[in-house]
Amino acid sequence: MRLKNSENNYGLISTLFHWSIAILMIGLLILDLYMVSLLISLHKLKLYGWHKEYGF
């Protein structure tokens, strides 16, 4: 697989970037679903900080 995009295919860099972002988004969704089940605490506030730092 080539590092850069060709006319017909995406390259290794684009593919790795795509899947890295996809994994990050899935992780943030799981974190979000976990956070809404928690009562307010320092732990929950720390998780909100992570959520804001890495996503929305």
C-alpha atoms as a PDB file:
ATOM      1  CA  MET A   1       0.000   0.000   0.000  1.00  0.00           C
ATOM      2  CA  ARG A   2       1.308   3.429  -0.916  1.00  0.00           C
ATOM      3  CA  LEU A   3       1.758   6.121   1.712  1.00  0.00           C
ATOM      4  CA  LYS A   4      -0.003   8.814  -0.295  1.00  0.00           C
ATOM      5  CA  ASN A   5      -3.300   8.756  -2.164  1.00  0.00           C
ATOM      6  CA  SER A   6      -3.310   7.659  -5.770  1.00  0.00           C
ATOM      7  CA  GLU A   7      -5.879   8.487  -8.405  1.00  0.00           C
ATOM      8  CA  ASN A   8      -7.907   5.355  -7.585  1.00  0.00           C
ATOM      9  CA  ASN A   9      -7.105   4.509  -3.950  1.00  0.00           C
ATOM     10  CA  TYR A  10      -6.538   6.121  -0.587  1.00  0.00           C
ATOM     11  CA  GLY A  11      -3.048   5.816   0.815  1.00  0.00           C
ATOM     12  CA  LEU A  12      -1.865   4.400   4.117  1.00  0.00           C
ATOM     13  CA  ILE A  13      -1.748   7.815   5.817  1.00  0.00           C
ATOM     14  CA  SER A  14      -5.365   8.629   4.906  1.00  0.00           C
ATOM     15  CA  THR A  15      -6.543   5.173   5.917  1.00  0.00           C
ATOM     16  CA  LEU A  16      -4.797   5.292   9.303  1.00  0.00           C
ATOM     17  CA  PHE A  17      -6.098   8.804   9.960  1.00  0.00           C
ATOM     18  CA  HIS A  18      -9.643   7.734   9.057  1.00  0.00           C
ATOM     19  CA  TRP A  19      -9.637   4.728  11.391  1.00  0.00           C
ATOM     20  CA  SER A  20      -7.947   6.656  14.213  1.00  0.00           C
ATOM     21  CA  ILE A  21     -10.718   9.252  14.129  1.00  0.00           C
ATOM     22  CA  ALA A  22     -13.383   6.518  13.913  1.00  0.00           C
ATOM     23  CA  ILE A  23     -11.971   4.739  16.988  1.00  0.00           C
ATOM     24  CA  LEU A  24     -11.748   8.034  18.883  1.00  0.00           C
ATOM     25  CA  MET A  25     -15.381   8.858  18.080  1.00  0.00           C
ATOM     26  CA  ILE A  26     -16.593   5.416  19.159  1.00  0.00           C
ATOM     27  CA  GLY A  27     -14.599   5.760  22.379  1.00  0.00           C
ATOM     28  CA  LEU A  28     -16.143   9.171  23.056  1.00  0.00           C
ATOM     29  CA  LEU A  29     -19.624   7.781  22.455  1.00  0.00           C
ATOM     30  CA  ILE A  30     -18.999   4.976  24.954  1.00  0.00           C
ATOM     31  CA  LEU A  31     -17.598   7.502  27.444  1.00  0.00           C
ATOM     32  CA  ASP A  32     -20.660   9.702  26.950  1.00  0.00           C
ATOM     33  CA  LEU A  33     -23.081   6.836  27.566  1.00  0.00           C
ATOM     34  CA  TYR A  34     -21.162   5.944  30.729  1.00  0.00           C
ATOM     35  CA  MET A  35     -21.087   9.551  31.984  1.00  0.00           C
ATOM     36  CA  VAL A  36     -24.851  10.064  31.802  1.00  0.00           C
ATOM     37  CA  SER A  37     -25.349   7.129  34.177  1.00  0.00           C
ATOM     38  CA  LEU A  38     -23.129   8.664  36.883  1.00  0.00           C
ATOM     39  CA  LEU A  39     -24.214  10.881  39.735  1.00  0.00           C
ATOM     40  CA  ILE A  40     -22.392  14.190  40.056  1.00  0.00           C
ATOM     41  CA  SER A  41     -18.927  13.602  41.529  1.00  0.00           C
ATOM     42  CA  LEU A  42     -15.289  14.495  41.009  1.00  0.00           C
ATOM     43  CA  HIS A  43     -14.924  11.402  38.845  1.00  0.00           C
ATOM     44  CA  LYS A  44     -17.753  12.540  36.560  1.00  0.00           C
ATOM     45  CA  LEU A  45     -16.284  16.043  36.282  1.00  0.00           C
ATOM     46  CA  LYS A  46     -12.904  14.556  35.342  1.00  0.00           C
ATOM     47  CA  LEU A  47     -14.568  12.483  32.611  1.00  0.00           C
ATOM     48  CA  TYR A  48     -16.352  15.602  31.321  1.00  0.00           C
ATOM     49  CA  GLY A  49     -12.940  17.265  31.060  1.00  0.00           C
ATOM     50  CA  TRP A  50     -11.629  14.361  28.973  1.00  0.00           C
ATOM     51  CA  HIS A  51     -14.749  14.431  26.825  1.00  0.00           C
ATOM     52  CA  LYS A  52     -14.363  18.159  26.140  1.00  0.00           C
ATOM     53  CA  GLU A  53     -10.633  17.823  25.460  1.00  0.00           C
ATOM     54  CA  TYR A  54     -10.932  15.022  22.900  1.00  0.00           C
ATOM     55  CA  GLY A  55     -14.304  15.747  21.342  1.00  0.00           C
ATOM     56  CA  PHE A  56     -17.323  17.931  21.851  1.00  0.00           C
END
